[in-house]
Protein backbone atom coordinates (compact mmCIF):
# COMPACT_ATOMS: atom_id res chain seq x y z
CA UNK A 1 -22.96 -9.53 -11.32
CA UNK A 2 -19.51 -8.96 -13.10
CA UNK A 3 -17.54 -6.73 -10.81
CA UNK A 4 -14.15 -5.36 -12.12
CA UNK A 5 -11.63 -2.92 -10.88
CA UNK A 6 -10.11 -0.14 -12.98
CA UNK A 7 -7.51 2.42 -12.81
CA UNK A 8 -8.23 5.96 -13.43
CA UNK A 9 -5.84 8.45 -13.28
CA UNK A 10 -4.63 8.56 -10.13
CA UNK A 11 -2.63 5.15 -10.99
CA UNK A 12 0.41 7.75 -12.63
CA UNK A 13 -0.02 10.02 -9.30
CA UNK A 14 1.07 6.71 -7.16
CA UNK A 15 4.67 5.68 -9.41
CA UNK A 16 6.22 3.90 -7.78
CA UNK A 17 3.74 2.14 -5.95
CA UNK A 18 1.80 0.77 -8.74
CA UNK A 19 5.04 0.37 -11.29
CA UNK A 20 4.43 -3.12 -9.72
CA UNK A 21 0.97 -3.94 -9.39
CA UNK A 22 -2.72 -2.30 -10.28
CA UNK A 23 -4.20 0.60 -7.52
CA UNK A 24 -6.76 -2.14 -6.83
CA UNK A 25 -3.60 -4.17 -4.86
CA UNK A 26 -2.78 -1.05 -2.94
CA UNK A 27 -2.91 -1.87 0.67
CA UNK A 28 -4.44 0.59 3.15
CA UNK A 29 -6.73 -0.31 6.41
CA UNK A 30 -5.95 -3.58 6.74
CA UNK A 31 -7.06 -5.15 3.67
CA UNK A 32 -6.54 -3.89 0.45
CA UNK A 33 -8.44 -2.61 -1.72
CA UNK A 34 -9.53 -4.77 -3.61
CA UNK A 35 -9.51 -7.16 -0.57
CA UNK A 36 -12.32 -4.59 1.10
CA UNK A 37 -14.40 -4.71 -2.24
CA UNK A 38 -14.81 -8.45 -2.74
CA UNK A 39 -15.78 -8.58 1.04
CA UNK A 40 -18.34 -6.65 0.37
CA UNK A 41 -19.28 -7.50 -2.46
CA UNK A 42 -18.96 -10.93 -1.67
CA UNK A 43 -17.66 -11.93 -4.65
CA UNK A 44 -14.25 -11.89 -6.49
CA UNK A 45 -12.95 -9.10 -9.27
CA UNK A 46 -10.79 -8.91 -11.96
CA UNK A 47 -8.46 -5.95 -12.79
CA UNK A 48 -8.90 -3.88 -16.08
CA UNK A 49 -5.11 -1.93 -15.86
CA UNK A 50 -1.90 -1.40 -17.67
CA UNK A 51 -1.05 -3.97 -20.24
CA UNK A 52 1.86 -5.49 -19.48
CA UNK A 53 0.10 -6.09 -15.64
CA UNK A 54 -2.52 -8.34 -17.77
CA UNK A 55 -1.29 -11.38 -17.55
CA UNK A 56 -0.89 -11.49 -13.35
CA UNK A 57 -4.89 -9.56 -13.35
CA UNK A 58 -6.18 -10.31 -16.19
CA UNK A 59 -10.08 -9.11 -17.02
CA UNK A 60 -13.11 -11.43 -16.95
CA UNK A 61 -15.87 -9.37 -19.50
CA UNK A 62 -19.18 -10.50 -19.26
CA UNK A 63 -22.56 -9.67 -20.41
CA UNK A 64 -23.17 -7.24 -18.16
CA UNK A 65 -20.60 -5.61 -16.43
CA UNK A 66 -19.96 -2.56 -13.63
CA UNK A 67 -16.74 -1.33 -13.94
CA UNK A 68 -15.88 0.16 -10.39
CA UNK A 69 -13.03 2.73 -9.85
CA UNK A 70 -9.78 0.95 -8.04
CA UNK A 71 -8.49 4.06 -5.84
CA UNK A 72 -11.92 4.56 -4.31
CA UNK A 73 -12.28 2.86 -0.42
CA UNK A 74 -15.56 1.06 -0.37
CA UNK A 75 -18.21 1.46 1.73
CA UNK A 76 -21.82 -0.23 2.28
CA UNK A 77 -24.28 2.79 1.09
CA UNK A 78 -21.68 2.93 -1.90
CA UNK A 79 -21.80 -0.48 -2.60
CA UNK A 80 -26.05 -0.25 -2.03
CA UNK A 81 -25.94 3.11 -4.58
CA UNK A 82 -23.39 0.35 -7.34
CA UNK A 83 -25.59 -1.79 -6.89
CA UNK A 84 -28.64 -0.14 -8.33
CA UNK A 85 -26.82 1.43 -11.65
CA UNK A 86 -29.12 0.07 -14.44
CA UNK A 87 -27.49 -0.04 -17.71
CA UNK A 88 -25.81 2.79 -19.09
CA UNK A 89 -25.38 4.65 -15.79
CA UNK A 90 -22.76 5.87 -14.74
CA UNK A 91 -21.82 6.56 -10.59
CA UNK A 92 -19.56 10.43 -10.13
CA UNK A 93 -19.34 12.21 -8.16
CA UNK A 94 -18.14 16.50 -9.43
CA UNK A 95 -14.39 15.16 -10.34
CA UNK A 96 -14.16 11.09 -9.95
CA UNK A 97 -15.97 8.66 -11.88
CA UNK A 98 -16.67 5.81 -8.77
CA UNK A 99 -18.70 3.41 -10.99
CA UNK A 100 -20.46 2.52 -14.55
CA UNK A 101 -22.76 -0.01 -15.51
CA UNK A 102 -21.55 -1.27 -19.29
CA UNK A 103 -22.18 -4.36 -22.14
CA UNK A 104 -19.08 -6.39 -23.42
CA UNK A 105 -19.09 -5.00 -26.51
CA UNK A 106 -18.94 -1.43 -24.78
CA UNK A 107 -15.68 -2.40 -23.07
CA UNK A 108 -11.79 -3.81 -24.39
CA UNK A 109 -9.01 -4.47 -22.93
CA UNK A 110 -7.48 -1.43 -22.81
CA UNK A 111 -9.60 0.15 -21.01
CA UNK A 112 -11.33 1.82 -23.87
CA UNK A 113 -15.26 2.59 -23.10
CA UNK A 114 -17.61 3.30 -25.54
CA UNK A 115 -20.14 5.51 -23.03
CA UNK A 116 -21.68 7.81 -25.16
CA UNK A 117 -25.53 8.42 -24.01
CA UNK A 118 -24.50 6.73 -20.26
CA UNK A 119 -26.55 8.30 -17.68
CA UNK A 120 -24.41 10.03 -14.92
CA UNK A 121 -26.30 9.58 -10.80
CA UNK A 122 -24.67 11.76 -8.71
CA UNK A 123 -23.35 9.80 -5.50
CA UNK A 124 -25.02 10.60 -1.72
CA UNK A 125 -22.15 8.90 -0.32
CA UNK A 126 -19.09 10.26 1.32
CA UNK A 127 -16.07 8.13 1.17
CA UNK A 128 -12.29 7.89 0.74
CA UNK A 129 -10.17 7.74 -1.84
CA UNK A 130 -6.54 7.71 -3.09
CA UNK A 131 -5.57 10.03 -5.29
CA UNK A 132 -1.43 10.55 -4.08
CA UNK A 133 1.00 8.45 -2.15
CA UNK A 134 1.26 10.38 0.72
CA UNK A 135 -3.07 10.13 0.65
CA UNK A 136 -2.03 6.10 1.84
CA UNK A 137 -0.25 7.19 5.71
CA UNK A 138 -2.14 9.97 5.24
CA UNK A 139 -6.40 8.34 4.51
CA UNK A 140 -5.06 5.72 6.61
CA UNK A 141 -6.29 6.05 10.59
CA UNK A 142 -10.27 6.16 8.93
CA UNK A 143 -8.83 3.30 6.42
CA UNK A 144 -8.13 1.08 10.05
CA UNK A 145 -11.22 2.04 12.00
CA UNK A 146 -13.59 1.42 8.86
CA UNK A 147 -11.55 -2.37 7.86
CA UNK A 148 -11.60 -3.29 12.08
CA UNK A 149 -15.75 -2.49 12.62
CA UNK A 150 -16.19 -4.24 8.73
CA UNK A 151 -13.95 -7.75 9.91
CA UNK A 152 -14.69 -7.97 13.69
CA UNK A 153 -17.80 -7.71 12.97
CA UNK A 154 -19.97 -9.79 15.17
CA UNK A 155 -16.59 -11.99 15.54
CA UNK A 156 -15.02 -12.27 19.19
CA UNK A 157 -11.28 -11.93 19.65
CA UNK A 158 -8.89 -14.69 20.47
CA UNK A 159 -8.09 -13.77 24.96
CA UNK A 160 -5.56 -10.95 24.60
CA UNK A 161 -2.74 -13.54 27.31
CA UNK A 162 -2.46 -11.73 31.34
CA UNK A 163 1.22 -10.63 30.20
CA UNK A 164 0.46 -7.63 28.50
CA UNK A 165 -0.91 -4.24 29.30
CA UNK A 166 -3.86 -3.16 27.88
CA UNK A 167 -5.77 0.33 27.96
CA UNK A 168 -9.58 -0.07 25.81
CA UNK A 169 -9.64 -3.71 25.40
CA UNK A 170 -13.00 -3.70 23.69
CA UNK A 171 -11.13 -2.55 20.53
CA UNK A 172 -7.80 -5.13 20.36
CA UNK A 173 -8.80 -7.97 18.22
CA UNK A 174 -6.80 -10.95 17.98
CA UNK A 175 -7.41 -13.51 15.44
CA UNK A 176 -6.00 -17.17 15.50
CA UNK A 177 -2.80 -17.89 16.45
CA UNK A 178 -1.52 -15.14 16.96
CA UNK A 179 0.68 -14.34 19.78
CA UNK A 180 1.15 -11.23 22.75
CA UNK A 181 3.71 -11.61 25.20
CA UNK A 182 4.46 -8.77 27.64
CA UNK A 183 3.80 -5.74 25.44
CA UNK A 184 1.84 -2.61 25.51
CA UNK A 185 -1.20 -2.49 23.78
CA UNK A 186 -2.95 1.01 23.58
CA UNK A 187 -6.68 0.94 22.56
CA UNK A 188 -8.31 4.34 23.56
CA UNK A 189 -6.50 6.36 20.62
CA UNK A 190 -7.92 3.86 18.03
CA UNK A 191 -8.72 -0.01 17.73
CA UNK A 192 -5.77 -2.50 17.19
CA UNK A 193 -5.80 -5.45 14.52
CA UNK A 194 -3.24 -8.22 14.99
CA UNK A 195 -3.94 -10.96 12.03
CA UNK A 196 -3.41 -14.71 12.25
CA UNK A 197 -0.70 -16.24 12.45
CA UNK A 198 1.26 -12.83 13.76
CA UNK A 199 3.61 -12.29 16.47
CA UNK A 200 4.17 -9.08 18.71
CA UNK A 201 6.95 -9.91 21.05
CA UNK A 202 7.74 -8.89 24.52
CA UNK A 203 8.06 -5.21 25.03
CA UNK A 204 6.15 -3.88 22.49
CA UNK A 205 4.44 -1.23 22.40
CA UNK A 206 1.19 -0.23 20.59
CA UNK A 207 -0.71 3.15 19.98
CA UNK A 208 -3.88 2.58 18.45
CA UNK A 209 -4.93 2.68 14.70
CA UNK A 210 -2.41 -0.08 14.65
CA UNK A 211 -3.14 -3.11 12.29
CA UNK A 212 -0.63 -6.32 12.18
CA UNK A 213 -1.56 -8.43 9.72
CA UNK A 214 -1.26 -12.41 9.40
CA UNK A 215 2.59 -13.84 9.99
CA UNK A 216 4.51 -10.77 10.89
CA UNK A 217 6.26 -9.65 13.27
CA UNK A 218 6.88 -6.79 15.41
CA UNK A 219 10.58 -7.47 17.25
CA UNK A 220 11.21 -7.05 20.55
CA UNK A 221 10.94 -3.79 22.44
CA UNK A 222 9.22 -2.71 19.18
CA UNK A 223 7.45 1.62 19.52
CA UNK A 224 4.73 1.96 17.11
CA UNK A 225 2.82 4.80 16.71
CA UNK A 226 -0.11 4.46 14.85
CA UNK A 227 -1.88 4.85 12.27
CA UNK A 228 0.37 2.19 11.06
CA UNK A 229 -0.04 -0.98 8.88
CA UNK A 230 2.36 -4.06 9.20
CA UNK A 231 1.22 -5.68 5.97
CA UNK A 232 1.43 -9.97 5.93
CA UNK A 233 4.73 -11.78 6.32
CA UNK A 234 7.02 -8.15 7.59
CA UNK A 235 9.11 -7.92 10.30
CA UNK A 236 9.75 -5.01 11.79
CA UNK A 237 10.95 -3.31 14.95
CA UNK A 238 12.73 0.14 15.80
CA UNK A 239 10.35 3.23 15.87
CA UNK A 240 7.59 3.35 13.75
CA UNK A 241 4.68 5.75 13.32
CA UNK A 242 2.21 6.95 11.09
CA UNK A 243 3.05 4.80 7.92
CA UNK A 244 1.82 1.24 5.75
CA UNK A 245 4.18 -1.75 4.65
CA UNK A 246 2.18 -3.35 2.25
CA UNK A 247 3.58 -6.64 2.98
CA UNK A 248 6.87 -8.97 2.32
CA UNK A 249 8.77 -6.28 3.72
CA UNK A 250 11.06 -6.19 6.70
CA UNK A 251 12.68 -3.09 8.65
CA UNK A 252 14.11 -5.55 11.79
CA UNK A 253 15.88 -3.59 13.33
CA UNK A 254 16.30 -0.19 15.00
CA UNK A 255 15.34 3.31 13.19
CA UNK A 256 12.81 5.36 12.30
CA UNK A 257 10.41 5.36 9.85
CA UNK A 258 7.99 8.58 9.82
CA UNK A 259 4.97 9.30 7.22
CA UNK A 260 5.91 7.14 5.16
CA UNK A 261 5.07 3.99 2.39
CA UNK A 262 6.92 0.93 2.02
CA UNK A 263 5.92 -1.24 -0.94
CA UNK A 264 6.39 -5.50 -1.27
CA UNK A 265 9.76 -7.29 -1.03
CA UNK A 266 11.76 -4.20 0.92
CA UNK A 267 14.29 -4.57 2.88
CA UNK A 268 15.63 -1.58 5.39
CA UNK A 269 19.04 -2.19 6.44
CA UNK A 270 19.36 -1.89 10.53
CA UNK A 271 19.16 1.44 12.27
CA UNK A 272 17.79 3.29 8.24
CA UNK A 273 16.29 6.43 9.63
CA UNK A 274 14.22 8.69 7.51
CA UNK A 275 13.32 12.52 9.30
CA UNK A 276 9.26 13.46 7.74
CA UNK A 277 9.45 17.16 9.09
CA UNK A 278 11.60 19.75 7.46
CA UNK A 279 13.55 22.30 10.35
CA UNK A 280 12.07 24.71 8.64
CA UNK A 281 8.82 23.52 9.24
CA UNK A 282 7.73 24.69 5.03
CA UNK A 283 5.28 22.21 3.02
CA UNK A 284 6.56 18.56 2.18
CA UNK A 285 7.25 18.65 -1.33
CA UNK A 286 8.00 14.91 -3.10
CA UNK A 287 8.68 13.71 -6.58
CA UNK A 288 6.21 13.38 -9.06
CA UNK A 289 5.66 11.05 -11.38
CA UNK A 290 4.04 12.45 -14.56
CA UNK A 291 4.64 16.48 -13.68
CA UNK A 292 8.84 14.57 -13.21
CA UNK A 293 9.09 17.55 -10.87
CA UNK A 294 8.82 18.33 -7.40
CA UNK A 295 5.50 19.08 -6.21
CA UNK A 296 4.12 20.51 -2.87
CA UNK A 297 2.30 18.27 -1.13
CA UNK A 298 0.69 20.52 1.51
CA UNK A 299 1.89 18.31 4.56
CA UNK A 300 3.96 19.32 6.89
CA UNK A 301 4.96 15.80 8.03
CA UNK A 302 5.86 13.18 5.20
CA UNK A 303 8.66 11.07 4.93
CA UNK A 304 9.62 8.08 2.21
CA UNK A 305 8.27 6.32 -0.43
CA UNK A 306 9.59 3.31 -1.22
CA UNK A 307 8.52 1.18 -4.52
CA UNK A 308 8.81 -3.19 -4.99
CA UNK A 309 11.96 -4.82 -3.83
CA UNK A 310 13.53 -1.16 -3.28
CA UNK A 311 16.96 -2.11 -0.22
CA UNK A 312 18.74 0.70 1.81
CA UNK A 313 22.48 -0.60 3.77
CA UNK A 314 22.49 -0.50 7.46
CA UNK A 315 22.64 3.16 8.86
CA UNK A 316 21.10 4.38 5.59
CA UNK A 317 19.79 8.26 6.24
CA UNK A 318 16.45 9.32 3.92
CA UNK A 319 15.41 13.41 3.87
CA UNK A 320 12.19 15.22 4.20
CA UNK A 321 9.80 13.75 1.52
CA UNK A 322 11.92 10.90 -0.55
CA UNK A 323 10.82 9.28 -3.24
CA UNK A 324 13.02 5.28 -3.80
CA UNK A 325 11.44 3.83 -7.19
CA UNK A 326 11.15 0.21 -7.77
CA UNK A 327 14.36 -2.62 -7.58
CA UNK A 328 16.82 -0.13 -6.09
CA UNK A 329 19.68 -0.60 -3.79
CA UNK A 330 21.00 2.13 -2.07
CA UNK A 331 23.64 2.89 0.80
CA UNK A 332 25.70 4.91 1.88
CA UNK A 333 26.68 7.74 4.48
CA UNK A 334 25.06 10.90 4.50
CA UNK A 335 21.51 12.07 3.45
CA UNK A 336 20.50 9.64 0.36
CA UNK A 337 19.39 11.66 -3.03
CA UNK A 338 15.23 12.92 -2.15
CA UNK A 339 14.65 11.18 -5.49
CA UNK A 340 16.04 7.57 -6.81
CA UNK A 341 15.52 6.28 -9.71
CA UNK A 342 13.90 2.27 -9.85
CA UNK A 343 16.85 0.27 -10.53
CA UNK A 344 19.72 2.52 -9.20
CA UNK A 345 22.25 1.40 -7.58
CA UNK A 346 24.53 3.06 -5.13
CA UNK A 347 24.33 6.15 -2.48
CA UNK A 348 25.99 9.61 -1.97
CA UNK A 349 28.80 9.09 -4.29
CA UNK A 350 27.24 8.57 -6.79
CA UNK A 351 24.47 5.62 -8.66
CA UNK A 352 25.16 3.21 -11.39
CA UNK A 353 22.77 0.89 -13.47
CA UNK A 354 21.45 -1.73 -11.26
CA UNK A 355 21.85 -4.86 -13.75
CA UNK A 356 17.91 -6.08 -14.56
CA UNK A 357 20.03 -9.95 -14.15
CA UNK A 358 21.06 -9.58 -11.07
CA UNK A 359 17.63 -8.21 -9.75
CA UNK A 360 16.07 -10.89 -11.26
CA UNK A 361 18.55 -13.20 -9.39
CA UNK A 362 18.37 -11.36 -6.03
CA UNK A 363 13.96 -11.56 -6.86
CA UNK A 364 14.07 -15.11 -7.32
CA UNK A 365 16.44 -15.74 -3.70
CA UNK A 366 13.81 -13.87 -2.14
CA UNK A 367 10.39 -14.95 -2.57
CA UNK A 368 11.91 -18.42 -2.63
CA UNK A 369 12.75 -17.18 1.39
CA UNK A 370 8.78 -17.34 1.51
CA UNK A 371 7.84 -20.63 -1.10
CA UNK A 372 6.85 -18.22 -3.81
CA UNK A 373 8.04 -18.35 -7.06
CA UNK A 374 9.86 -15.62 -8.94
CA UNK A 375 8.14 -16.87 -12.32
CA UNK A 376 7.95 -15.45 -15.81
CA UNK A 377 5.01 -14.32 -15.36
CA UNK A 378 7.01 -12.07 -12.15
CA UNK A 379 9.96 -11.49 -14.56
CA UNK A 380 8.26 -10.37 -17.45
CA UNK A 381 6.35 -7.73 -15.09
CA UNK A 382 10.18 -6.58 -13.37
CA UNK A 383 11.37 -6.11 -17.25
CA UNK A 384 8.66 -3.89 -18.19
CA UNK A 385 9.88 -1.66 -15.63
CA UNK A 386 13.08 -1.82 -16.37
CA UNK A 387 11.95 -0.13 -19.44
CA UNK A 388 9.33 1.86 -18.53
CA UNK A 389 11.66 3.72 -15.62
CA UNK A 390 14.91 4.20 -18.43
CA UNK A 391 14.55 7.44 -18.62
CA UNK A 392 14.65 8.41 -15.11
CA UNK A 393 17.73 7.03 -14.96
CA UNK A 394 19.87 9.65 -16.90
CA UNK A 395 17.76 12.75 -14.85
């Protein structure tokens, strides 16, 4: 069977995190949503997404296709229900299309689907779905537990060094090549997963649920409160609480990050801090791209949402419920504004537009540090995002 992960209407609510990727590439728990589906389906998937992303994430169509909502997190039972779909059947809830079984002629590359006469089957399975950016950290604890169970089933952890203090060691799993020495690991509150070739340096204190993905580093004396995920090839220090870092991003120094989501290729300068609770204890409002205004999250705790390639100078302060777009460079004393558009350069003293050529030059250098080519395809995506976000820079 050919499986295609598609973006639903939640994509716009998940901006700026989905400017540079389809929804299925979002990391929540230990894995990205795509990685979860491919693990359960035991095959590769393709993508139905925005046209400017399609060169990097192309769609592969066959005679018969099952389209799966990329904002839905899989479960074994959900996978079973999807694989039981017959042609021209769709699996739904009251307000969500989970999956469809349709023929090639009923699907085009733009995402238009002819679903005339399709039969709806209502699922009996409970599952997680991300509809808003804050759902990523809000649901992260459940997602870590689900991924931990899936990834470690029938496997044995690498030995835990005697230099560590460990609570509930049966809930700690260390992959091959990982290094953990002289740390405190408390897995009594949730599982702790240490990925391949990752490192937890001495003096670190970690409370689960927690995931450190491959080739990432927790710096000395870091304090990590779960549920927190550090994606691959990242460096993290200081204090982190209930946050998700997608990968290839650094918060290498002291400073607080709480109830936040940081996309890829970001760097938080030393002593960058965010607030995650208003002094009034009111619900936090967060910038909504589709509504072009601030919306009520319904949460008391909500910190920073940061798009790809954005960076902060030392001692940068973010207020409760701040959204930073793609490729912004933020610095200066005092609290920053609660919405910083993409390709902004500046801070409390004012912003100007971050030149796209300079942004690409920096991205080329940053990619090179990881031996990755910032190729023409990546440049084209960034150029499209620059154009798509132009209107926000004049708000």
